[in-house]
């Protein structure tokens, strides 16, 4: 799949990055749930990590190299002193990523650079992806409700296939077309079912409770 995306990108250059308006509450929500805070990042997360599951080698504010291509990583992190090495994380996911993580643990990235890439590159790209995914009714949603969808796509991707994506389909097919933020909040809270009984239950259930509050306009 990564090789296929790479081939397409060699023929059709990526579209220019167009700044998108994302509320401060949405930025704060994603940063809080990805890295806790800038201080915590500098103390504990300056090095690449493997978050588990189907993730790849990940650094900064949830930037997952395993789900990118070498060209995209090279473009996004062009000013990074280790950009060539980071580019080699492309396509490595799951247990393979866990196995090779030690090769990358000597690479550090200051939060100031992470924030720059997050705000200028990563977040606008996910915001556009969320807008395309939930296009029917998107423009009638309040900014924070739009942002809750961006945050969800940032964390879970935009796939709609399978039983684990029933809430995503309800958001796309029912809640967003009706511009019904209460409906959106219910779907976020329902997502907790996916992690019950796992080590991620507390963190992810709380994350999607926060997403529900964001959609309702009650971000903390």
C-alpha atoms as a PDB file:
ATOM      1  CA  UNK A   1       0.000   0.000   0.000  1.00  0.00           C
ATOM      2  CA  UNK A   2       2.811   2.435   0.868  1.00  0.00           C
ATOM      3  CA  UNK A   3       4.571   1.610  -2.413  1.00  0.00           C
ATOM      4  CA  UNK A   4       1.327   2.287  -4.294  1.00  0.00           C
ATOM      5  CA  UNK A   5       0.912   5.680  -2.615  1.00  0.00           C
ATOM      6  CA  UNK A   6       4.560   6.467  -3.381  1.00  0.00           C
ATOM      7  CA  UNK A   7       4.003   5.685  -7.070  1.00  0.00           C
ATOM      8  CA  UNK A   8       0.957   7.941  -7.250  1.00  0.00           C
ATOM      9  CA  UNK A   9       2.831  10.776  -5.541  1.00  0.00           C
ATOM     10  CA  UNK A  10       5.650  10.512  -8.079  1.00  0.00           C
ATOM     11  CA  UNK A  11       3.114  11.159 -10.861  1.00  0.00           C
ATOM     12  CA  UNK A  12       0.790  13.637  -9.166  1.00  0.00           C
ATOM     13  CA  UNK A  13       2.559  16.042  -6.784  1.00  0.00           C
ATOM     14  CA  UNK A  14       0.804  16.624  -3.446  1.00  0.00           C
ATOM     15  CA  UNK A  15      -1.612  19.548  -3.442  1.00  0.00           C
ATOM     16  CA  UNK A  16      -0.236  22.738  -1.880  1.00  0.00           C
ATOM     17  CA  UNK A  17      -0.879  22.993   1.816  1.00  0.00           C
ATOM     18  CA  UNK A  18      -3.768  25.374   2.427  1.00  0.00           C
ATOM     19  CA  UNK A  19      -4.179  26.681   5.973  1.00  0.00           C
ATOM     20  CA  UNK A  20      -7.459  25.646   7.576  1.00  0.00           C
ATOM     21  CA  UNK A  21      -9.147  27.326  10.520  1.00  0.00           C
ATOM     22  CA  UNK A  22      -9.005  25.013  13.517  1.00  0.00           C
ATOM     23  CA  UNK A  23     -10.103  26.341  16.882  1.00  0.00           C
ATOM     24  CA  UNK A  24      -7.693  26.634  19.798  1.00  0.00           C
ATOM     25  CA  UNK A  25      -9.904  24.215  21.744  1.00  0.00           C
ATOM     26  CA  UNK A  26      -9.365  21.550  19.090  1.00  0.00           C
ATOM     27  CA  UNK A  27      -5.599  22.090  19.051  1.00  0.00           C
ATOM     28  CA  UNK A  28      -5.532  21.834  22.849  1.00  0.00           C
ATOM     29  CA  UNK A  29      -7.656  18.663  22.765  1.00  0.00           C
ATOM     30  CA  UNK A  30      -5.356  16.848  20.336  1.00  0.00           C
ATOM     31  CA  UNK A  31      -2.161  17.972  22.055  1.00  0.00           C
ATOM     32  CA  UNK A  32      -3.507  16.942  25.475  1.00  0.00           C
ATOM     33  CA  UNK A  33      -4.446  13.453  24.346  1.00  0.00           C
ATOM     34  CA  UNK A  34      -1.401  12.837  22.166  1.00  0.00           C
ATOM     35  CA  UNK A  35       1.400  14.150  24.400  1.00  0.00           C
ATOM     36  CA  UNK A  36      -0.259  15.587  27.579  1.00  0.00           C
ATOM     37  CA  UNK A  37       1.684  18.865  27.444  1.00  0.00           C
ATOM     38  CA  UNK A  38       4.794  20.478  26.001  1.00  0.00           C
ATOM     39  CA  UNK A  39       6.588  19.981  29.318  1.00  0.00           C
ATOM     40  CA  UNK A  40       5.709  16.283  29.446  1.00  0.00           C
ATOM     41  CA  UNK A  41       6.852  15.931  25.848  1.00  0.00           C
ATOM     42  CA  UNK A  42      10.263  17.460  26.560  1.00  0.00           C
ATOM     43  CA  UNK A  43      10.730  15.218  29.592  1.00  0.00           C
ATOM     44  CA  UNK A  44       9.399  11.914  28.234  1.00  0.00           C
ATOM     45  CA  UNK A  45       8.590  11.961  24.520  1.00  0.00           C
ATOM     46  CA  UNK A  46      11.420  13.646  22.617  1.00  0.00           C
ATOM     47  CA  UNK A  47      12.281  10.244  21.134  1.00  0.00           C
ATOM     48  CA  UNK A  48      10.261   8.095  18.717  1.00  0.00           C
ATOM     49  CA  UNK A  49       7.878   5.602  20.325  1.00  0.00           C
ATOM     50  CA  UNK A  50       5.680   2.703  19.295  1.00  0.00           C
ATOM     51  CA  UNK A  51       2.150   3.289  20.708  1.00  0.00           C
ATOM     52  CA  UNK A  52       1.085  -0.323  20.116  1.00  0.00           C
ATOM     53  CA  UNK A  53      -1.469  -2.091  17.944  1.00  0.00           C
ATOM     54  CA  UNK A  54      -1.253  -1.297  14.240  1.00  0.00           C
ATOM     55  CA  UNK A  55       0.751   1.882  14.822  1.00  0.00           C
ATOM     56  CA  UNK A  56       4.116   2.561  13.286  1.00  0.00           C
ATOM     57  CA  UNK A  57       7.125   4.403  14.661  1.00  0.00           C
ATOM     58  CA  UNK A  58       5.593   7.618  15.997  1.00  0.00           C
ATOM     59  CA  UNK A  59       7.126  10.911  17.023  1.00  0.00           C
ATOM     60  CA  UNK A  60       6.074  14.422  17.987  1.00  0.00           C
ATOM     61  CA  UNK A  61       2.310  15.064  18.193  1.00  0.00           C
ATOM     62  CA  UNK A  62       1.203  11.603  17.068  1.00  0.00           C
ATOM     63  CA  UNK A  63       3.031  11.653  13.719  1.00  0.00           C
ATOM     64  CA  UNK A  64       2.957   7.995  12.619  1.00  0.00           C
ATOM     65  CA  UNK A  65       5.699   7.289  10.106  1.00  0.00           C
ATOM     66  CA  UNK A  66       4.408   3.785   9.460  1.00  0.00           C
ATOM     67  CA  UNK A  67       1.327   5.124   7.711  1.00  0.00           C
ATOM     68  CA  UNK A  68       3.212   7.594   5.514  1.00  0.00           C
ATOM     69  CA  UNK A  69       5.456   7.262   2.474  1.00  0.00           C
ATOM     70  CA  UNK A  70       9.150   8.201   2.392  1.00  0.00           C
ATOM     71  CA  UNK A  71       8.317  11.175   0.162  1.00  0.00           C
ATOM     72  CA  UNK A  72       5.706  12.539   2.571  1.00  0.00           C
ATOM     73  CA  UNK A  73       7.985  12.159   5.589  1.00  0.00           C
ATOM     74  CA  UNK A  74      10.807  13.801   3.660  1.00  0.00           C
ATOM     75  CA  UNK A  75       8.573  16.740   2.748  1.00  0.00           C
ATOM     76  CA  UNK A  76       6.989  17.162   6.178  1.00  0.00           C
ATOM     77  CA  UNK A  77      10.275  16.920   8.098  1.00  0.00           C
ATOM     78  CA  UNK A  78      12.633  18.462   5.532  1.00  0.00           C
ATOM     79  CA  UNK A  79      14.430  20.554   8.179  1.00  0.00           C
ATOM     80  CA  UNK A  80      14.967  17.667  10.613  1.00  0.00           C
ATOM     81  CA  UNK A  81      18.607  16.654  11.030  1.00  0.00           C
ATOM     82  CA  UNK A  82      17.573  12.961  10.839  1.00  0.00           C
ATOM     83  CA  UNK A  83      14.997  13.235   8.045  1.00  0.00           C
ATOM     84  CA  UNK A  84      16.623  10.486   5.971  1.00  0.00           C
ATOM     85  CA  UNK A  85      16.436   8.030   8.863  1.00  0.00           C
ATOM     86  CA  UNK A  86      12.897   9.037   9.772  1.00  0.00           C
ATOM     87  CA  UNK A  87      11.879   8.417   6.158  1.00  0.00           C
ATOM     88  CA  UNK A  88      12.853   4.760   6.553  1.00  0.00           C
ATOM     89  CA  UNK A  89      10.017   4.258   9.074  1.00  0.00           C
ATOM     90  CA  UNK A  90       7.505   4.430   6.201  1.00  0.00           C
ATOM     91  CA  UNK A  91       5.390   1.302   5.893  1.00  0.00           C
ATOM     92  CA  UNK A  92       6.617  -0.348   9.106  1.00  0.00           C
ATOM     93  CA  UNK A  93       3.668  -1.019  11.422  1.00  0.00           C
ATOM     94  CA  UNK A  94       2.506  -3.313  14.210  1.00  0.00           C
ATOM     95  CA  UNK A  95       4.976  -5.780  15.691  1.00  0.00           C
ATOM     96  CA  UNK A  96       7.495  -4.973  12.958  1.00  0.00           C
ATOM     97  CA  UNK A  97       7.560  -1.387  14.201  1.00  0.00           C
ATOM     98  CA  UNK A  98       8.006  -2.576  17.766  1.00  0.00           C
ATOM     99  CA  UNK A  99      10.979  -4.693  16.704  1.00  0.00           C
ATOM    100  CA  UNK A 100      12.835  -1.878  14.928  1.00  0.00           C
ATOM    101  CA  UNK A 101      12.034   0.909  17.401  1.00  0.00           C
ATOM    102  CA  UNK A 102      15.482   0.717  19.109  1.00  0.00           C
ATOM    103  CA  UNK A 103      17.106   1.807  15.840  1.00  0.00           C
ATOM    104  CA  UNK A 104      15.397   5.186  16.136  1.00  0.00           C
ATOM    105  CA  UNK A 105      15.506   5.894  19.856  1.00  0.00           C
ATOM    106  CA  UNK A 106      18.587   8.097  19.561  1.00  0.00           C
ATOM    107  CA  UNK A 107      16.690  10.614  17.384  1.00  0.00           C
ATOM    108  CA  UNK A 108      15.348  13.614  19.280  1.00  0.00           C
ATOM    109  CA  UNK A 109      12.962  16.338  18.148  1.00  0.00           C
ATOM    110  CA  UNK A 110      12.386  19.512  20.192  1.00  0.00           C
ATOM    111  CA  UNK A 111       8.784  20.423  20.906  1.00  0.00           C
ATOM    112  CA  UNK A 112       9.140  23.773  19.135  1.00  0.00           C
ATOM    113  CA  UNK A 113       9.759  21.962  15.842  1.00  0.00           C
ATOM    114  CA  UNK A 114       7.025  19.407  16.539  1.00  0.00           C
ATOM    115  CA  UNK A 115       4.501  22.163  17.126  1.00  0.00           C
ATOM    116  CA  UNK A 116       5.550  23.921  13.927  1.00  0.00           C
ATOM    117  CA  UNK A 117       4.969  20.803  11.802  1.00  0.00           C
ATOM    118  CA  UNK A 118       1.783  19.905  13.681  1.00  0.00           C
ATOM    119  CA  UNK A 119       0.166  23.312  13.140  1.00  0.00           C
ATOM    120  CA  UNK A 120       1.413  23.976   9.606  1.00  0.00           C
ATOM    121  CA  UNK A 121       1.311  20.511   8.058  1.00  0.00           C
ATOM    122  CA  UNK A 122      -0.233  17.639   9.983  1.00  0.00           C
ATOM    123  CA  UNK A 123      -3.307  19.244  11.515  1.00  0.00           C
ATOM    124  CA  UNK A 124      -4.433  21.062   8.331  1.00  0.00           C
ATOM    125  CA  UNK A 125      -4.094  17.802   6.384  1.00  0.00           C
ATOM    126  CA  UNK A 126      -6.277  15.896   8.857  1.00  0.00           C
ATOM    127  CA  UNK A 127      -8.764  18.758   8.957  1.00  0.00           C
ATOM    128  CA  UNK A 128      -9.155  18.541   5.185  1.00  0.00           C
ATOM    129  CA  UNK A 129      -9.505  14.762   5.396  1.00  0.00           C
ATOM    130  CA  UNK A 130     -12.247  15.100   8.023  1.00  0.00           C
ATOM    131  CA  UNK A 131     -14.018  17.701   5.887  1.00  0.00           C
ATOM    132  CA  UNK A 132     -13.992  15.341   2.886  1.00  0.00           C
ATOM    133  CA  UNK A 133     -15.083  12.356   4.965  1.00  0.00           C
ATOM    134  CA  UNK A 134     -17.979  14.194   6.625  1.00  0.00           C
ATOM    135  CA  UNK A 135     -18.736  16.587   3.773  1.00  0.00           C
ATOM    136  CA  UNK A 136     -22.531  16.220   3.944  1.00  0.00           C
ATOM    137  CA  UNK A 137     -23.456  18.787   6.587  1.00  0.00           C
ATOM    138  CA  UNK A 138     -19.926  19.820   7.545  1.00  0.00           C
ATOM    139  CA  UNK A 139     -20.435  23.502   6.767  1.00  0.00           C
ATOM    140  CA  UNK A 140     -23.437  23.717   9.107  1.00  0.00           C
ATOM    141  CA  UNK A 141     -21.499  22.506  12.142  1.00  0.00           C
ATOM    142  CA  UNK A 142     -19.989  24.846  14.756  1.00  0.00           C
ATOM    143  CA  UNK A 143     -16.160  25.038  14.584  1.00  0.00           C
ATOM    144  CA  UNK A 144     -15.610  22.919  17.687  1.00  0.00           C
ATOM    145  CA  UNK A 145     -17.964  20.215  16.388  1.00  0.00           C
ATOM    146  CA  UNK A 146     -16.022  20.195  13.122  1.00  0.00           C
ATOM    147  CA  UNK A 147     -12.864  19.986  15.185  1.00  0.00           C
ATOM    148  CA  UNK A 148     -14.148  16.985  17.114  1.00  0.00           C
ATOM    149  CA  UNK A 149     -14.360  15.154  13.783  1.00  0.00           C
ATOM    150  CA  UNK A 150     -10.843  16.277  12.895  1.00  0.00           C
ATOM    151  CA  UNK A 151      -9.590  14.986  16.244  1.00  0.00           C
ATOM    152  CA  UNK A 152     -11.354  11.662  15.693  1.00  0.00           C
ATOM    153  CA  UNK A 153      -9.869  11.187  12.231  1.00  0.00           C
ATOM    154  CA  UNK A 154      -6.478  12.177  13.666  1.00  0.00           C
ATOM    155  CA  UNK A 155      -6.759   9.366  16.208  1.00  0.00           C
ATOM    156  CA  UNK A 156      -8.777   6.688  14.383  1.00  0.00           C
ATOM    157  CA  UNK A 157      -8.374   7.441  10.693  1.00  0.00           C
ATOM    158  CA  UNK A 158     -11.229   7.831   8.206  1.00  0.00           C
ATOM    159  CA  UNK A 159     -12.118   4.207   7.456  1.00  0.00           C
ATOM    160  CA  UNK A 160     -15.815   3.308   7.591  1.00  0.00           C
ATOM    161  CA  UNK A 161     -15.525  -0.467   7.151  1.00  0.00           C
ATOM    162  CA  UNK A 162     -16.325  -3.069   9.794  1.00  0.00           C
ATOM    163  CA  UNK A 163     -18.235  -3.367  13.057  1.00  0.00           C
ATOM    164  CA  UNK A 164     -15.715  -1.245  14.940  1.00  0.00           C
ATOM    165  CA  UNK A 165     -16.674   1.674  12.699  1.00  0.00           C
ATOM    166  CA  UNK A 166     -20.423   1.731  13.297  1.00  0.00           C
ATOM    167  CA  UNK A 167     -20.193   5.011  15.233  1.00  0.00           C
ATOM    168  CA  UNK A 168     -18.113   6.555  12.449  1.00  0.00           C
ATOM    169  CA  UNK A 169     -20.799   5.617   9.933  1.00  0.00           C
ATOM    170  CA  UNK A 170     -23.502   7.060  12.176  1.00  0.00           C
ATOM    171  CA  UNK A 171     -21.559  10.310  12.391  1.00  0.00           C
ATOM    172  CA  UNK A 172     -21.234  10.443   8.600  1.00  0.00           C
ATOM    173  CA  UNK A 173     -24.718   9.272   7.658  1.00  0.00           C
ATOM    174  CA  UNK A 174     -26.951  10.554  10.463  1.00  0.00           C
ATOM    175  CA  UNK A 175     -25.454  13.082  12.853  1.00  0.00           C
ATOM    176  CA  UNK A 176     -23.418  15.375  10.609  1.00  0.00           C
ATOM    177  CA  UNK A 177     -26.026  15.664   7.795  1.00  0.00           C
ATOM    178  CA  UNK A 178     -28.527  16.769  10.456  1.00  0.00           C
ATOM    179  CA  UNK A 179     -25.969  19.089  12.095  1.00  0.00           C
ATOM    180  CA  UNK A 180     -26.970  17.336  15.324  1.00  0.00           C
ATOM    181  CA  UNK A 181     -24.193  17.839  17.862  1.00  0.00           C
ATOM    182  CA  UNK A 182     -26.060  15.862  20.533  1.00  0.00           C
ATOM    183  CA  UNK A 183     -26.133  12.909  18.144  1.00  0.00           C
ATOM    184  CA  UNK A 184     -22.402  13.346  17.548  1.00  0.00           C
ATOM    185  CA  UNK A 185     -21.722  13.361  21.275  1.00  0.00           C
ATOM    186  CA  UNK A 186     -23.676  10.119  21.705  1.00  0.00           C
ATOM    187  CA  UNK A 187     -21.573   8.410  19.049  1.00  0.00           C
ATOM    188  CA  UNK A 188     -18.325   9.519  20.676  1.00  0.00           C
ATOM    189  CA  UNK A 189     -19.462   8.188  24.042  1.00  0.00           C
ATOM    190  CA  UNK A 190     -20.584   4.943  22.409  1.00  0.00           C
ATOM    191  CA  UNK A 191     -17.051   4.390  21.089  1.00  0.00           C
ATOM    192  CA  UNK A 192     -16.003   3.478  24.617  1.00  0.00           C
ATOM    193  CA  UNK A 193     -17.379  -0.024  23.916  1.00  0.00           C
ATOM    194  CA  UNK A 194     -14.372  -0.643  21.673  1.00  0.00           C
ATOM    195  CA  UNK A 195     -11.877  -0.540  24.530  1.00  0.00           C
ATOM    196  CA  UNK A 196     -13.775  -1.992  27.483  1.00  0.00           C
ATOM    197  CA  UNK A 197     -11.705  -4.577  29.292  1.00  0.00           C
ATOM    198  CA  UNK A 198      -8.451  -3.468  27.658  1.00  0.00           C
ATOM    199  CA  UNK A 199      -5.483  -1.570  29.049  1.00  0.00           C
ATOM    200  CA  UNK A 200      -6.594   1.406  26.932  1.00  0.00           C
ATOM    201  CA  UNK A 201     -10.110   1.607  28.386  1.00  0.00           C
ATOM    202  CA  UNK A 202      -9.600   4.505  30.781  1.00  0.00           C
ATOM    203  CA  UNK A 203      -7.519   6.660  28.469  1.00  0.00           C
ATOM    204  CA  UNK A 204      -9.552   6.214  25.296  1.00  0.00           C
ATOM    205  CA  UNK A 205     -12.943   6.360  26.991  1.00  0.00           C
ATOM    206  CA  UNK A 206     -11.888   9.636  28.601  1.00  0.00           C
ATOM    207  CA  UNK A 207     -10.537  10.871  25.280  1.00  0.00           C
ATOM    208  CA  UNK A 208     -13.888  10.335  23.573  1.00  0.00           C
ATOM    209  CA  UNK A 209     -15.795  11.797  26.500  1.00  0.00           C
ATOM    210  CA  UNK A 210     -13.701  14.894  25.849  1.00  0.00           C
ATOM    211  CA  UNK A 211     -14.537  14.649  22.129  1.00  0.00           C
ATOM    212  CA  UNK A 212     -18.231  14.540  23.048  1.00  0.00           C
ATOM    213  CA  UNK A 213     -17.860  17.645  25.188  1.00  0.00           C
ATOM    214  CA  UNK A 214     -15.971  19.350  22.360  1.00  0.00           C
ATOM    215  CA  UNK A 215     -18.819  18.620  19.945  1.00  0.00           C
ATOM    216  CA  UNK A 216     -21.317  19.967  22.477  1.00  0.00           C
ATOM    217  CA  UNK A 217     -19.320  23.183  22.826  1.00  0.00           C
ATOM    218  CA  UNK A 218     -18.251  22.360  26.379  1.00  0.00           C
ATOM    219  CA  UNK A 219     -14.533  21.744  25.863  1.00  0.00           C
ATOM    220  CA  UNK A 220     -12.539  21.766  29.072  1.00  0.00           C
END
